[in-house]
Amino acid sequence: MAVNTADLDRYEAVLEDGLVKICKGAGLLREQFMRSEDIDGKWEQYAQDYVADAVLNFNEYPEAAIAWAGFLGMAVAHNWDVDWEAHKDDPYKSYYGSRGWDDMDEHILWEVLALPEAIGKKLSDTLDSCALAALGLIRHEGIEAQTELGFYVLVRTYSVLYRIGAAIELQRLGYQRVRVA
């Protein structure tokens, strides 16, 4: 069965729109996405390794497999702001926690971003809500995770969560879209 790219594009647009609404409702986004070529480029570099980790953990921890792409986006956006020259070559596994992929979220929240507990909890809860919404959309669309289409849908889902996480962090850091004349 050939996977229809137009169907994947439609799925991604619907998912992105829904997750932006969740994040706006939580007060974490005012706009759709603030983006940077540098941050997007890191996803292109990390995607294969992230997808490998997520696929290994998806059956047991589907919410984590999806949500943690958002944490990764947040960490990359944070490092882009702090000192991109120092972090632009960071390997994917530098975002692992002490237990590897299993505690990547905690490592990013408490060590990379060094957030206060209340803010970290709100971010974590919101990304969990996004993951649950993504799983709901996948089920609503009737997509089976163990199929070729399911694989491509999950890859698109991880990409959207990564971008959402990056946008949340850029906004948290005070970045705003400004029209340049």
N, C-alpha and C. Protein backbone atom coordinates (compact mmCIF):
# COMPACT_ATOMS: atom_id res chain seq x y z
N MET A 1 0.83 -1.18 0.00
CA MET A 1 0.00 0.00 0.00
C MET A 1 0.88 1.25 0.00
N ALA A 2 0.66 2.12 -0.93
CA ALA A 2 1.41 3.37 -1.00
C ALA A 2 0.77 4.38 -0.05
N VAL A 3 1.60 5.06 0.67
CA VAL A 3 1.12 6.07 1.61
C VAL A 3 0.89 7.36 0.84
N ASN A 4 -0.28 7.95 0.99
CA ASN A 4 -0.66 9.17 0.31
C ASN A 4 -0.13 10.37 1.09
N THR A 5 0.80 11.08 0.49
CA THR A 5 1.42 12.24 1.14
C THR A 5 0.39 13.32 1.44
N ALA A 6 -0.58 13.50 0.56
CA ALA A 6 -1.61 14.52 0.80
C ALA A 6 -2.41 14.18 2.06
N ASP A 7 -2.69 12.90 2.29
CA ASP A 7 -3.40 12.50 3.51
C ASP A 7 -2.54 12.77 4.75
N LEU A 8 -1.24 12.52 4.64
CA LEU A 8 -0.34 12.80 5.77
C LEU A 8 -0.26 14.31 6.03
N ASP A 9 -0.21 15.09 4.96
CA ASP A 9 -0.18 16.55 5.12
C ASP A 9 -1.46 17.05 5.80
N ARG A 10 -2.61 16.50 5.40
CA ARG A 10 -3.88 16.88 6.01
C ARG A 10 -3.90 16.50 7.48
N TYR A 11 -3.46 15.27 7.79
CA TYR A 11 -3.40 14.82 9.18
C TYR A 11 -2.52 15.77 10.00
N GLU A 12 -1.35 16.09 9.47
CA GLU A 12 -0.41 16.95 10.20
C GLU A 12 -1.01 18.33 10.45
N ALA A 13 -1.70 18.89 9.46
CA ALA A 13 -2.32 20.22 9.61
C ALA A 13 -3.42 20.18 10.67
N VAL A 14 -4.25 19.14 10.64
CA VAL A 14 -5.33 19.01 11.63
C VAL A 14 -4.73 18.85 13.03
N LEU A 15 -3.71 18.01 13.15
CA LEU A 15 -3.06 17.80 14.45
C LEU A 15 -2.44 19.09 14.96
N GLU A 16 -1.70 19.75 14.11
CA GLU A 16 -1.04 20.99 14.50
C GLU A 16 -2.05 22.02 14.99
N ASP A 17 -3.12 22.19 14.25
CA ASP A 17 -4.16 23.14 14.62
C ASP A 17 -4.75 22.80 15.99
N GLY A 18 -5.05 21.54 16.21
CA GLY A 18 -5.63 21.12 17.49
C GLY A 18 -4.67 21.31 18.65
N LEU A 19 -3.41 20.99 18.44
CA LEU A 19 -2.44 21.11 19.53
C LEU A 19 -2.12 22.57 19.84
N VAL A 20 -2.13 23.41 18.82
CA VAL A 20 -1.93 24.84 19.07
C VAL A 20 -3.07 25.36 19.94
N LYS A 21 -4.29 24.91 19.66
CA LYS A 21 -5.44 25.33 20.48
C LYS A 21 -5.27 24.89 21.93
N ILE A 22 -4.80 23.68 22.15
CA ILE A 22 -4.55 23.20 23.52
C ILE A 22 -3.52 24.09 24.20
N CYS A 23 -2.45 24.40 23.51
CA CYS A 23 -1.37 25.21 24.10
C CYS A 23 -1.81 26.65 24.32
N LYS A 24 -2.61 27.18 23.43
CA LYS A 24 -3.16 28.53 23.63
C LYS A 24 -4.07 28.52 24.86
N GLY A 25 -4.90 27.49 24.98
CA GLY A 25 -5.80 27.38 26.13
C GLY A 25 -5.05 27.30 27.44
N ALA A 26 -3.87 26.70 27.41
CA ALA A 26 -3.04 26.60 28.61
C ALA A 26 -2.21 27.87 28.82
N GLY A 27 -2.30 28.82 27.90
CA GLY A 27 -1.53 30.06 28.03
C GLY A 27 -0.07 29.92 27.64
N LEU A 28 0.27 28.86 26.92
CA LEU A 28 1.67 28.63 26.56
C LEU A 28 2.02 29.12 25.16
N LEU A 29 1.03 29.39 24.34
CA LEU A 29 1.25 29.95 23.01
C LEU A 29 0.25 31.06 22.77
N ARG A 30 0.72 32.12 22.15
CA ARG A 30 -0.17 33.19 21.71
C ARG A 30 -0.36 33.09 20.21
N GLU A 31 0.66 32.61 19.55
CA GLU A 31 0.65 32.52 18.09
C GLU A 31 0.77 31.04 17.72
N GLN A 32 0.72 30.79 16.42
CA GLN A 32 0.84 29.40 15.99
C GLN A 32 2.24 28.89 16.27
N PHE A 33 3.18 29.26 15.46
CA PHE A 33 4.54 28.78 15.68
C PHE A 33 5.55 29.89 15.41
N MET A 34 6.46 30.05 16.34
CA MET A 34 7.66 30.79 16.04
C MET A 34 8.68 29.72 15.70
N ARG A 35 9.43 29.95 14.64
CA ARG A 35 10.35 28.92 14.18
C ARG A 35 11.70 29.51 13.86
N SER A 36 12.67 28.64 13.81
CA SER A 36 14.03 29.00 13.43
C SER A 36 14.56 27.87 12.55
N GLU A 37 15.25 28.24 11.49
CA GLU A 37 15.86 27.22 10.63
C GLU A 37 16.83 26.35 11.42
N ASP A 38 17.56 26.96 12.36
CA ASP A 38 18.51 26.21 13.17
C ASP A 38 17.80 25.13 13.99
N ILE A 39 16.71 25.53 14.64
CA ILE A 39 15.96 24.59 15.49
C ILE A 39 15.31 23.51 14.64
N ASP A 40 14.69 23.90 13.53
CA ASP A 40 14.10 22.91 12.62
C ASP A 40 15.16 21.96 12.08
N GLY A 41 16.33 22.49 11.80
CA GLY A 41 17.43 21.66 11.28
C GLY A 41 17.88 20.61 12.28
N LYS A 42 17.83 20.94 13.55
CA LYS A 42 18.20 19.94 14.57
C LYS A 42 17.21 18.78 14.56
N TRP A 43 15.90 19.05 14.33
CA TRP A 43 14.94 17.96 14.24
C TRP A 43 15.31 17.04 13.07
N GLU A 44 15.67 17.63 11.95
CA GLU A 44 16.07 16.81 10.80
C GLU A 44 17.26 15.93 11.17
N GLN A 45 18.16 16.45 11.97
CA GLN A 45 19.33 15.69 12.41
C GLN A 45 18.96 14.63 13.45
N TYR A 46 18.05 14.96 14.38
CA TYR A 46 17.72 14.07 15.50
C TYR A 46 16.57 13.10 15.20
N ALA A 47 15.78 13.38 14.19
CA ALA A 47 14.53 12.63 13.97
C ALA A 47 14.74 11.12 13.91
N GLN A 48 15.72 10.67 13.18
CA GLN A 48 15.91 9.22 13.03
C GLN A 48 16.18 8.56 14.39
N ASP A 49 17.05 9.15 15.19
CA ASP A 49 17.34 8.58 16.51
C ASP A 49 16.14 8.69 17.45
N TYR A 50 15.45 9.84 17.39
CA TYR A 50 14.27 9.99 18.24
C TYR A 50 13.20 8.98 17.87
N VAL A 51 12.93 8.85 16.59
CA VAL A 51 11.90 7.91 16.13
C VAL A 51 12.27 6.49 16.55
N ALA A 52 13.53 6.13 16.46
CA ALA A 52 13.96 4.79 16.89
C ALA A 52 13.65 4.57 18.37
N ASP A 53 13.95 5.57 19.21
CA ASP A 53 13.63 5.47 20.64
C ASP A 53 12.12 5.39 20.86
N ALA A 54 11.40 6.26 20.18
CA ALA A 54 9.95 6.34 20.38
C ALA A 54 9.26 5.06 19.93
N VAL A 55 9.68 4.50 18.81
CA VAL A 55 9.08 3.26 18.32
C VAL A 55 9.32 2.12 19.32
N LEU A 56 10.51 2.06 19.87
CA LEU A 56 10.81 1.01 20.86
C LEU A 56 9.92 1.13 22.10
N ASN A 57 9.52 2.34 22.43
CA ASN A 57 8.77 2.58 23.66
C ASN A 57 7.28 2.83 23.44
N PHE A 58 6.84 2.90 22.19
CA PHE A 58 5.48 3.32 21.90
C PHE A 58 4.42 2.39 22.49
N ASN A 59 4.59 1.09 22.35
CA ASN A 59 3.54 0.18 22.83
C ASN A 59 3.34 0.27 24.33
N GLU A 60 4.42 0.43 25.06
CA GLU A 60 4.33 0.48 26.52
C GLU A 60 4.04 1.90 27.05
N TYR A 61 4.59 2.91 26.37
CA TYR A 61 4.46 4.30 26.82
C TYR A 61 4.11 5.22 25.66
N PRO A 62 2.92 5.08 25.08
CA PRO A 62 2.60 5.89 23.89
C PRO A 62 2.59 7.39 24.15
N GLU A 63 2.09 7.82 25.31
CA GLU A 63 2.06 9.25 25.59
C GLU A 63 3.47 9.81 25.69
N ALA A 64 4.35 9.08 26.35
CA ALA A 64 5.74 9.54 26.48
C ALA A 64 6.41 9.59 25.11
N ALA A 65 6.19 8.58 24.30
CA ALA A 65 6.81 8.54 22.98
C ALA A 65 6.45 9.78 22.16
N ILE A 66 5.24 10.24 22.33
CA ILE A 66 4.78 11.42 21.59
C ILE A 66 5.20 12.71 22.31
N ALA A 67 4.90 12.82 23.59
CA ALA A 67 5.14 14.07 24.32
C ALA A 67 6.61 14.44 24.39
N TRP A 68 7.49 13.46 24.51
CA TRP A 68 8.89 13.77 24.72
C TRP A 68 9.54 14.42 23.51
N ALA A 69 8.92 14.31 22.34
CA ALA A 69 9.41 15.08 21.19
C ALA A 69 9.24 16.57 21.48
N GLY A 70 8.18 16.93 22.20
CA GLY A 70 7.98 18.33 22.59
C GLY A 70 9.04 18.80 23.56
N PHE A 71 9.40 17.95 24.52
CA PHE A 71 10.48 18.31 25.45
C PHE A 71 11.79 18.53 24.70
N LEU A 72 12.05 17.66 23.72
CA LEU A 72 13.27 17.81 22.92
C LEU A 72 13.26 19.14 22.18
N GLY A 73 12.13 19.51 21.59
CA GLY A 73 12.02 20.80 20.92
C GLY A 73 12.27 21.96 21.86
N MET A 74 11.75 21.85 23.08
CA MET A 74 11.98 22.89 24.07
C MET A 74 13.46 23.03 24.39
N ALA A 75 14.13 21.89 24.58
CA ALA A 75 15.55 21.91 24.94
C ALA A 75 16.40 22.52 23.83
N VAL A 76 16.11 22.13 22.59
CA VAL A 76 16.88 22.67 21.47
C VAL A 76 16.64 24.18 21.36
N ALA A 77 15.39 24.62 21.48
CA ALA A 77 15.10 26.06 21.43
C ALA A 77 15.80 26.80 22.55
N HIS A 78 15.82 26.21 23.74
CA HIS A 78 16.50 26.83 24.88
C HIS A 78 18.00 26.98 24.58
N ASN A 79 18.61 25.91 24.10
CA ASN A 79 20.04 25.97 23.81
C ASN A 79 20.35 26.91 22.64
N TRP A 80 19.42 27.04 21.72
CA TRP A 80 19.58 27.98 20.61
C TRP A 80 19.65 29.40 21.17
N ASP A 81 18.82 29.68 22.15
CA ASP A 81 18.79 31.01 22.76
C ASP A 81 20.01 31.25 23.64
N VAL A 82 20.38 30.27 24.42
CA VAL A 82 21.46 30.45 25.41
C VAL A 82 22.81 30.65 24.73
N ASP A 83 23.19 29.73 23.85
CA ASP A 83 24.49 29.82 23.17
C ASP A 83 24.52 28.79 22.05
N TRP A 84 24.01 29.18 20.89
CA TRP A 84 23.90 28.23 19.79
C TRP A 84 25.26 27.72 19.34
N GLU A 85 26.28 28.57 19.34
CA GLU A 85 27.61 28.12 18.94
C GLU A 85 28.08 26.96 19.82
N ALA A 86 27.81 27.05 21.10
CA ALA A 86 28.23 25.99 22.03
C ALA A 86 27.38 24.73 21.90
N HIS A 87 26.13 24.88 21.42
CA HIS A 87 25.20 23.75 21.43
C HIS A 87 24.82 23.22 20.05
N LYS A 88 25.21 23.88 18.99
CA LYS A 88 24.72 23.49 17.67
C LYS A 88 25.17 22.08 17.26
N ASP A 89 26.22 21.58 17.85
CA ASP A 89 26.70 20.24 17.52
C ASP A 89 26.40 19.21 18.61
N ASP A 90 25.55 19.57 19.59
CA ASP A 90 25.19 18.62 20.64
C ASP A 90 24.57 17.38 20.02
N PRO A 91 25.04 16.20 20.42
CA PRO A 91 24.41 14.97 19.91
C PRO A 91 23.04 14.77 20.55
N TYR A 92 22.20 14.06 19.87
CA TYR A 92 20.85 13.76 20.36
C TYR A 92 20.89 13.21 21.78
N LYS A 93 21.78 12.28 22.05
CA LYS A 93 21.80 11.63 23.36
C LYS A 93 22.24 12.55 24.49
N SER A 94 22.71 13.75 24.17
CA SER A 94 23.05 14.70 25.23
C SER A 94 21.79 15.17 25.96
N TYR A 95 20.62 14.92 25.39
CA TYR A 95 19.36 15.30 26.02
C TYR A 95 18.79 14.17 26.87
N TYR A 96 19.44 13.03 26.86
CA TYR A 96 19.02 11.92 27.72
C TYR A 96 19.22 12.29 29.19
N GLY A 97 18.42 11.66 30.04
CA GLY A 97 18.62 11.80 31.47
C GLY A 97 19.59 10.73 31.96
N SER A 98 19.69 10.59 33.27
CA SER A 98 20.61 9.60 33.85
C SER A 98 20.19 8.16 33.53
N ARG A 99 18.90 7.96 33.22
CA ARG A 99 18.40 6.63 32.83
C ARG A 99 18.19 6.54 31.32
N GLY A 100 18.86 7.39 30.58
CA GLY A 100 18.74 7.37 29.12
C GLY A 100 17.45 8.03 28.67
N TRP A 101 16.78 7.42 27.70
CA TRP A 101 15.55 7.97 27.15
C TRP A 101 14.45 8.00 28.20
N ASP A 102 14.50 7.07 29.15
CA ASP A 102 13.43 6.92 30.14
C ASP A 102 13.13 8.18 30.95
N ASP A 103 14.12 9.00 31.18
CA ASP A 103 13.88 10.21 31.96
C ASP A 103 14.35 11.47 31.22
N MET A 104 14.27 11.40 29.91
CA MET A 104 14.63 12.55 29.09
C MET A 104 13.80 13.78 29.46
N ASP A 105 12.52 13.58 29.71
CA ASP A 105 11.64 14.70 30.04
C ASP A 105 12.10 15.41 31.31
N GLU A 106 12.39 14.64 32.35
CA GLU A 106 12.82 15.23 33.62
C GLU A 106 14.17 15.93 33.46
N HIS A 107 15.07 15.31 32.73
CA HIS A 107 16.38 15.92 32.50
C HIS A 107 16.23 17.28 31.82
N ILE A 108 15.36 17.33 30.81
CA ILE A 108 15.16 18.58 30.07
C ILE A 108 14.50 19.63 30.97
N LEU A 109 13.43 19.26 31.66
CA LEU A 109 12.73 20.23 32.51
C LEU A 109 13.60 20.77 33.63
N TRP A 110 14.25 19.87 34.36
CA TRP A 110 14.90 20.28 35.60
C TRP A 110 16.38 20.63 35.44
N GLU A 111 17.05 20.05 34.43
CA GLU A 111 18.47 20.32 34.27
C GLU A 111 18.79 21.24 33.09
N VAL A 112 18.23 20.95 31.92
CA VAL A 112 18.52 21.80 30.76
C VAL A 112 17.81 23.15 30.92
N LEU A 113 16.50 23.12 31.15
CA LEU A 113 15.74 24.36 31.28
C LEU A 113 15.81 24.95 32.69
N ALA A 114 16.10 24.11 33.67
CA ALA A 114 16.20 24.53 35.08
C ALA A 114 14.97 25.32 35.51
N LEU A 115 13.79 24.74 35.28
CA LEU A 115 12.53 25.42 35.57
C LEU A 115 12.09 25.25 37.02
N PRO A 116 11.33 26.22 37.51
CA PRO A 116 10.67 26.03 38.80
C PRO A 116 9.63 24.90 38.65
N GLU A 117 9.34 24.23 39.75
CA GLU A 117 8.47 23.06 39.71
C GLU A 117 7.09 23.36 39.11
N ALA A 118 6.48 24.47 39.47
CA ALA A 118 5.13 24.79 38.99
C ALA A 118 5.12 24.97 37.47
N ILE A 119 6.11 25.64 36.93
CA ILE A 119 6.17 25.85 35.48
C ILE A 119 6.44 24.53 34.77
N GLY A 120 7.37 23.75 35.30
CA GLY A 120 7.67 22.45 34.72
C GLY A 120 6.46 21.53 34.71
N LYS A 121 5.68 21.56 35.79
CA LYS A 121 4.49 20.71 35.86
C LYS A 121 3.46 21.15 34.83
N LYS A 122 3.28 22.46 34.67
CA LYS A 122 2.32 22.96 33.68
C LYS A 122 2.75 22.55 32.27
N LEU A 123 4.01 22.69 31.97
CA LEU A 123 4.52 22.30 30.66
C LEU A 123 4.34 20.80 30.44
N SER A 124 4.69 20.02 31.44
CA SER A 124 4.55 18.57 31.34
C SER A 124 3.10 18.16 31.16
N ASP A 125 2.22 18.75 31.94
CA ASP A 125 0.79 18.44 31.82
C ASP A 125 0.26 18.80 30.44
N THR A 126 0.69 19.94 29.92
CA THR A 126 0.21 20.38 28.61
C THR A 126 0.74 19.47 27.51
N LEU A 127 2.01 19.10 27.56
CA LEU A 127 2.53 18.19 26.54
C LEU A 127 1.88 16.81 26.64
N ASP A 128 1.55 16.38 27.86
CA ASP A 128 0.80 15.12 28.02
C ASP A 128 -0.58 15.24 27.38
N SER A 129 -1.24 16.38 27.57
CA SER A 129 -2.54 16.62 26.95
C SER A 129 -2.42 16.61 25.43
N CYS A 130 -1.36 17.18 24.92
CA CYS A 130 -1.13 17.16 23.47
C CYS A 130 -0.94 15.73 22.98
N ALA A 131 -0.18 14.94 23.72
CA ALA A 131 0.04 13.54 23.33
C ALA A 131 -1.27 12.77 23.32
N LEU A 132 -2.08 12.97 24.34
CA LEU A 132 -3.39 12.29 24.40
C LEU A 132 -4.29 12.73 23.25
N ALA A 133 -4.26 14.01 22.92
CA ALA A 133 -5.05 14.51 21.79
C ALA A 133 -4.56 13.90 20.49
N ALA A 134 -3.25 13.77 20.33
CA ALA A 134 -2.70 13.16 19.12
C ALA A 134 -3.13 11.70 19.02
N LEU A 135 -3.07 10.98 20.13
CA LEU A 135 -3.52 9.57 20.12
C LEU A 135 -5.00 9.48 19.79
N GLY A 136 -5.78 10.43 20.30
CA GLY A 136 -7.21 10.46 20.00
C GLY A 136 -7.46 10.69 18.52
N LEU A 137 -6.70 11.58 17.91
CA LEU A 137 -6.85 11.84 16.48
C LEU A 137 -6.45 10.61 15.67
N ILE A 138 -5.37 9.97 16.06
CA ILE A 138 -4.94 8.75 15.36
C ILE A 138 -6.04 7.70 15.41
N ARG A 139 -6.64 7.51 16.58
CA ARG A 139 -7.73 6.54 16.72
C ARG A 139 -8.95 6.97 15.90
N HIS A 140 -9.28 8.26 15.97
CA HIS A 140 -10.43 8.78 15.22
C HIS A 140 -10.25 8.57 13.72
N GLU A 141 -9.04 8.73 13.25
CA GLU A 141 -8.74 8.54 11.83
C GLU A 141 -8.69 7.05 11.46
N GLY A 142 -8.74 6.17 12.46
CA GLY A 142 -8.70 4.73 12.20
C GLY A 142 -7.34 4.23 11.74
N ILE A 143 -6.31 4.89 12.18
CA ILE A 143 -4.94 4.52 11.78
C ILE A 143 -4.38 3.52 12.78
N GLU A 144 -3.91 2.40 12.27
CA GLU A 144 -3.30 1.37 13.12
C GLU A 144 -1.81 1.63 13.21
N ALA A 145 -1.31 1.70 14.43
CA ALA A 145 0.08 2.06 14.66
C ALA A 145 1.06 1.07 14.05
N GLN A 146 0.69 -0.19 13.93
CA GLN A 146 1.62 -1.23 13.47
C GLN A 146 1.66 -1.38 11.95
N THR A 147 1.20 -0.35 11.23
CA THR A 147 1.18 -0.40 9.77
C THR A 147 2.16 0.62 9.20
N GLU A 148 2.39 0.55 7.90
CA GLU A 148 3.26 1.53 7.25
C GLU A 148 2.68 2.94 7.41
N LEU A 149 1.37 3.07 7.18
CA LEU A 149 0.72 4.37 7.37
C LEU A 149 0.86 4.82 8.82
N GLY A 150 0.66 3.91 9.77
CA GLY A 150 0.79 4.24 11.18
C GLY A 150 2.18 4.77 11.51
N PHE A 151 3.20 4.16 10.93
CA PHE A 151 4.57 4.62 11.16
C PHE A 151 4.74 6.06 10.68
N TYR A 152 4.29 6.33 9.46
CA TYR A 152 4.44 7.68 8.92
C TYR A 152 3.62 8.71 9.68
N VAL A 153 2.45 8.32 10.16
CA VAL A 153 1.63 9.22 10.97
C VAL A 153 2.34 9.53 12.28
N LEU A 154 2.95 8.53 12.89
CA LEU A 154 3.69 8.78 14.14
C LEU A 154 4.88 9.69 13.90
N VAL A 155 5.59 9.50 12.81
CA VAL A 155 6.72 10.38 12.51
C VAL A 155 6.24 11.82 12.36
N ARG A 156 5.13 12.01 11.66
CA ARG A 156 4.56 13.35 11.52
C ARG A 156 4.14 13.90 12.88
N THR A 157 3.58 13.03 13.71
CA THR A 157 3.14 13.44 15.05
C THR A 157 4.33 13.90 15.89
N TYR A 158 5.42 13.13 15.86
CA TYR A 158 6.61 13.53 16.61
C TYR A 158 7.14 14.87 16.11
N SER A 159 7.10 15.08 14.80
CA SER A 159 7.58 16.34 14.23
C SER A 159 6.75 17.52 14.72
N VAL A 160 5.44 17.34 14.74
CA VAL A 160 4.55 18.42 15.22
C VAL A 160 4.85 18.72 16.69
N LEU A 161 4.98 17.68 17.51
CA LEU A 161 5.26 17.90 18.94
C LEU A 161 6.59 18.60 19.14
N TYR A 162 7.60 18.24 18.36
CA TYR A 162 8.89 18.90 18.44
C TYR A 162 8.73 20.40 18.17
N ARG A 163 8.02 20.74 17.10
CA ARG A 163 7.82 22.15 16.74
C ARG A 163 7.00 22.88 17.80
N ILE A 164 5.99 22.20 18.35
CA ILE A 164 5.18 22.80 19.42
C ILE A 164 6.08 23.12 20.62
N GLY A 165 6.89 22.15 21.02
CA GLY A 165 7.80 22.36 22.15
C GLY A 165 8.74 23.52 21.91
N ALA A 166 9.31 23.58 20.71
CA ALA A 166 10.22 24.68 20.39
C ALA A 166 9.49 26.02 20.44
N ALA A 167 8.28 26.08 19.90
CA ALA A 167 7.51 27.33 19.91
C ALA A 167 7.16 27.75 21.32
N ILE A 168 6.79 26.80 22.16
CA ILE A 168 6.49 27.11 23.56
C ILE A 168 7.71 27.72 24.24
N GLU A 169 8.86 27.11 24.03
CA GLU A 169 10.06 27.62 24.69
C GLU A 169 10.47 28.99 24.15
N LEU A 170 10.36 29.18 22.84
CA LEU A 170 10.69 30.49 22.28
C LEU A 170 9.78 31.57 22.86
N GLN A 171 8.51 31.26 22.99
CA GLN A 171 7.59 32.24 23.59
C GLN A 171 7.93 32.45 25.06
N ARG A 172 8.21 31.37 25.78
CA ARG A 172 8.55 31.48 27.20
C ARG A 172 9.79 32.37 27.39
N LEU A 173 10.69 32.31 26.42
CA LEU A 173 11.91 33.12 26.48
C LEU A 173 11.68 34.56 26.04
N GLY A 174 10.46 34.87 25.57
CA GLY A 174 10.13 36.24 25.23
C GLY A 174 10.18 36.59 23.75
N TYR A 175 10.44 35.63 22.91
CA TYR A 175 10.45 35.91 21.47
C TYR A 175 9.04 36.21 20.99
N GLN A 176 8.96 37.11 20.01
CA GLN A 176 7.68 37.48 19.41
C GLN A 176 7.88 37.60 17.90
N ARG A 177 6.80 37.33 17.18
CA ARG A 177 6.84 37.56 15.74
C ARG A 177 6.71 39.05 15.51
N VAL A 178 7.60 39.58 14.70
CA VAL A 178 7.57 40.99 14.37
C VAL A 178 7.72 41.11 12.85
N ARG A 179 6.82 41.86 12.25
CA ARG A 179 6.88 42.06 10.81
C ARG A 179 8.08 42.96 10.51
N VAL A 180 8.92 42.52 9.58
CA VAL A 180 10.10 43.28 9.18
C VAL A 180 9.77 43.97 7.87
N ALA A 181 9.97 45.28 7.83
CA ALA A 181 9.65 46.05 6.62
C ALA A 181 10.74 45.93 5.61
